[in-house]
Amino acid sequence: MTTAGTSPSPRRRQLLEAAYRYALAHGLADLSLRPLATAIGSSPRVLLYLFGSKDGLVRELLGCARLDELVLLERLPRGAGLARTATHVWEWLAAEEHRALLTLWVEGYARSLVDPRGPWADFAATTVRDWLDVLSESQPDPDTPEALAQRTRALALLRGALLDLLATGDTDRVTRAVRADLSSL
């Protein structure tokens, strides 16, 4: 296992990456160590040794999803205005190649709302804070209550539209609605 000040072993990193790819394809809700271990060329015992528990592994997988999300957020143009920044976010969210990550994200978000303990703890709340913080960087005076309300509105629109898109796959319809609403910010 990893201790403070040491880096994870190459095998741990390799198995985490493989487990993350598996989670993107199969989700986390019904994750079972035996099929996961078989699929990634390991054993349940090795996974338990490296990650401490199934919950520890799930926490790490949610961390991978969050890291992928943060990478997107770091690439956003700064100071571009809230509507433009939110439009960039939507373009990324609507891209077909991100559907597996976003489905996993929604699963983690929903689970943290109904099961606020364990590996899901604070996933939704942390995600909201991350997105609001990034959106604040696109506003000239982000510390006002009005600016916070605008960010919250933009985030709610993006999150709701994402759920609609994942449920229906109707990118054109949902994108038209998002653009129409974002133009009023």
Protein backbone atom coordinates (compact mmCIF):
# COMPACT_ATOMS: atom_id res chain seq x y z
CA MET A 1 0.00 0.00 0.00
CA THR A 2 0.98 3.60 -0.46
CA THR A 3 2.13 5.58 2.53
CA ALA A 4 2.46 9.33 2.87
CA GLY A 5 5.39 10.64 0.89
CA THR A 6 5.66 7.67 -1.45
CA SER A 7 4.18 7.32 -4.88
CA PRO A 8 1.88 4.47 -5.91
CA SER A 9 3.52 1.45 -7.47
CA PRO A 10 3.48 1.14 -11.25
CA ARG A 11 1.26 -1.96 -10.90
CA ARG A 12 -1.25 -0.04 -8.77
CA ARG A 13 -1.36 2.78 -11.34
CA GLN A 14 -1.75 0.24 -14.16
CA LEU A 15 -4.60 -1.55 -12.40
CA LEU A 16 -6.31 1.72 -11.49
CA GLU A 17 -6.21 2.86 -15.12
CA ALA A 18 -7.58 -0.49 -16.27
CA ALA A 19 -10.28 -0.43 -13.58
CA TYR A 20 -11.22 3.09 -14.64
CA ARG A 21 -11.62 1.99 -18.26
CA TYR A 22 -13.78 -0.90 -16.98
CA ALA A 23 -15.89 1.48 -14.86
CA LEU A 24 -16.39 3.79 -17.85
CA ALA A 25 -17.74 0.85 -19.83
CA HIS A 26 -19.74 -0.87 -17.06
CA GLY A 27 -20.50 1.75 -14.42
CA LEU A 28 -19.99 1.55 -10.67
CA ALA A 29 -23.44 0.66 -9.31
CA ASP A 30 -23.05 -3.09 -9.68
CA LEU A 31 -19.26 -3.20 -9.49
CA SER A 32 -18.08 -6.56 -8.27
CA LEU A 33 -14.41 -7.22 -7.61
CA ARG A 34 -14.29 -10.70 -9.13
CA PRO A 35 -15.49 -9.75 -12.66
CA LEU A 36 -13.49 -6.53 -12.52
CA ALA A 37 -10.32 -8.36 -11.51
CA THR A 38 -10.80 -10.95 -14.26
CA ALA A 39 -11.38 -8.25 -16.86
CA ILE A 40 -8.26 -6.30 -15.93
CA GLY A 41 -5.92 -9.24 -15.40
CA SER A 42 -5.74 -9.24 -11.63
CA SER A 43 -7.40 -10.89 -8.66
CA PRO A 44 -9.81 -9.59 -6.01
CA ARG A 45 -7.12 -10.20 -3.41
CA VAL A 46 -4.58 -7.99 -5.21
CA LEU A 47 -7.19 -5.24 -5.66
CA LEU A 48 -8.04 -5.36 -1.96
CA TYR A 49 -4.36 -5.23 -1.05
CA LEU A 50 -3.67 -2.26 -3.33
CA PHE A 51 -6.83 -0.24 -2.61
CA GLY A 52 -7.69 -1.37 0.92
CA SER A 53 -11.32 -2.24 0.18
CA LYS A 54 -13.90 -2.12 -2.56
CA ASP A 55 -14.95 1.30 -1.22
CA GLY A 56 -11.34 2.44 -1.46
CA LEU A 57 -11.23 1.38 -5.10
CA VAL A 58 -14.55 3.11 -5.85
CA ARG A 59 -13.23 6.29 -4.20
CA GLU A 60 -10.15 6.12 -6.42
CA LEU A 61 -12.31 5.58 -9.54
CA LEU A 62 -14.49 8.56 -8.65
CA GLY A 63 -11.28 10.50 -8.18
CA CYS A 64 -10.25 9.57 -11.71
CA ALA A 65 -13.59 10.83 -13.05
CA ARG A 66 -13.21 14.05 -11.07
CA LEU A 67 -9.66 14.50 -12.36
CA ASP A 68 -10.88 14.12 -15.96
CA GLU A 69 -13.53 16.74 -15.23
CA LEU A 70 -10.97 19.11 -13.70
CA VAL A 71 -8.71 18.72 -16.74
CA LEU A 72 -11.60 20.01 -18.87
CA LEU A 73 -12.21 22.88 -16.50
CA GLU A 74 -8.56 23.91 -16.55
CA ARG A 75 -8.64 24.16 -20.36
CA LEU A 76 -11.50 26.65 -20.41
CA PRO A 77 -10.72 30.18 -21.55
CA ARG A 78 -10.42 32.52 -18.60
CA GLY A 79 -12.20 35.84 -18.55
CA ALA A 80 -14.23 34.99 -21.65
CA GLY A 81 -17.57 35.82 -20.06
CA LEU A 82 -20.01 33.44 -18.45
CA ALA A 83 -22.08 32.69 -21.56
CA ARG A 84 -19.01 31.92 -23.67
CA THR A 85 -17.40 29.78 -20.98
CA ALA A 86 -20.64 27.85 -20.38
CA THR A 87 -20.95 27.34 -24.16
CA HIS A 88 -17.44 25.83 -24.21
CA VAL A 89 -18.42 23.56 -21.34
CA TRP A 90 -21.55 22.47 -23.18
CA GLU A 91 -19.61 21.69 -26.36
CA TRP A 92 -17.38 19.39 -24.32
CA LEU A 93 -20.34 17.82 -22.50
CA ALA A 94 -22.23 17.22 -25.76
CA ALA A 95 -19.31 15.49 -27.49
CA GLU A 96 -20.06 11.82 -28.09
CA GLU A 97 -16.60 10.72 -26.93
CA HIS A 98 -17.33 11.95 -23.39
CA ARG A 99 -20.59 10.02 -22.87
CA ALA A 100 -19.04 7.18 -20.85
CA LEU A 101 -17.27 9.60 -18.49
CA LEU A 102 -20.40 11.70 -18.09
CA THR A 103 -22.59 8.68 -17.43
CA LEU A 104 -20.12 7.61 -14.73
CA TRP A 105 -20.13 11.16 -13.36
CA VAL A 106 -23.95 11.21 -13.18
CA GLU A 107 -23.90 7.84 -11.43
CA GLY A 108 -21.43 9.11 -8.84
CA TYR A 109 -23.35 12.36 -8.43
CA ALA A 110 -26.68 10.59 -7.87
CA ARG A 111 -25.19 8.00 -5.51
CA SER A 112 -23.61 10.69 -3.37
CA LEU A 113 -27.06 12.26 -2.93
CA VAL A 114 -28.74 9.05 -1.76
CA ASP A 115 -25.76 7.45 -0.02
CA PRO A 116 -23.74 10.34 1.45
CA ARG A 117 -21.36 8.02 3.29
CA GLY A 118 -18.72 5.71 1.99
CA PRO A 119 -16.93 6.20 -1.31
CA TRP A 120 -19.61 8.52 -2.69
CA ALA A 121 -19.38 11.03 0.17
CA ASP A 122 -19.35 14.65 -0.98
CA PHE A 123 -18.90 13.78 -4.68
CA ALA A 124 -21.90 15.89 -5.76
CA ALA A 125 -21.18 18.82 -3.45
CA THR A 126 -17.51 18.90 -4.43
CA THR A 127 -18.43 18.79 -8.10
CA VAL A 128 -20.81 21.74 -7.71
CA ARG A 129 -18.11 23.76 -5.94
CA ASP A 130 -15.55 22.90 -8.65
CA TRP A 131 -17.83 24.03 -11.46
CA LEU A 132 -19.00 27.19 -9.67
CA ASP A 133 -15.37 28.13 -8.95
CA VAL A 134 -14.37 27.71 -12.58
CA LEU A 135 -17.40 29.59 -13.87
CA SER A 136 -16.56 32.43 -11.45
CA GLU A 137 -13.29 32.97 -13.31
CA SER A 138 -15.28 33.97 -16.38
CA GLN A 139 -17.04 36.80 -14.58
CA PRO A 140 -15.63 40.31 -14.11
CA ASP A 141 -17.01 40.69 -10.56
CA PRO A 142 -17.63 37.14 -9.30
CA ASP A 143 -18.07 37.98 -5.61
CA THR A 144 -21.50 39.55 -5.87
CA PRO A 145 -24.69 37.66 -5.05
CA GLU A 146 -25.90 38.39 -8.60
CA ALA A 147 -22.80 36.80 -10.13
CA LEU A 148 -23.24 33.72 -7.93
CA ALA A 149 -26.88 33.50 -9.04
CA GLN A 150 -25.83 33.71 -12.71
CA ARG A 151 -23.22 30.95 -12.23
CA THR A 152 -25.76 28.82 -10.42
CA ARG A 153 -28.25 29.32 -13.26
CA ALA A 154 -25.64 28.40 -15.88
CA LEU A 155 -24.59 25.31 -13.92
CA ALA A 156 -28.20 24.21 -13.40
CA LEU A 157 -28.86 24.60 -17.13
CA LEU A 158 -25.76 22.59 -18.06
CA ARG A 159 -26.49 19.84 -15.55
CA GLY A 160 -30.14 19.54 -16.56
CA ALA A 161 -29.29 19.57 -20.25
CA LEU A 162 -26.66 16.91 -19.67
CA LEU A 163 -29.21 14.64 -18.01
CA ASP A 164 -31.59 15.17 -20.94
CA LEU A 165 -28.83 14.47 -23.45
CA LEU A 166 -27.72 11.29 -21.70
CA ALA A 167 -31.32 10.09 -21.50
CA THR A 168 -32.28 10.85 -25.09
CA GLY A 169 -29.11 11.19 -27.13
CA ASP A 170 -30.78 14.12 -28.93
CA THR A 171 -27.75 16.37 -29.22
CA ASP A 172 -29.26 18.81 -31.72
CA ARG A 173 -32.43 19.52 -29.75
CA VAL A 174 -30.66 19.88 -26.40
CA THR A 175 -27.86 22.01 -27.86
CA ARG A 176 -30.37 24.42 -29.42
CA ALA A 177 -32.07 24.81 -26.03
CA VAL A 178 -28.76 25.33 -24.21
CA ARG A 179 -27.58 27.96 -26.68
CA ALA A 180 -30.89 29.81 -26.50
CA ASP A 181 -30.78 29.99 -22.72
CA LEU A 182 -27.06 30.77 -22.46
CA SER A 183 -27.46 33.70 -24.84
CA SER A 184 -29.52 35.43 -22.15
CA LEU A 185 -26.75 35.34 -19.53
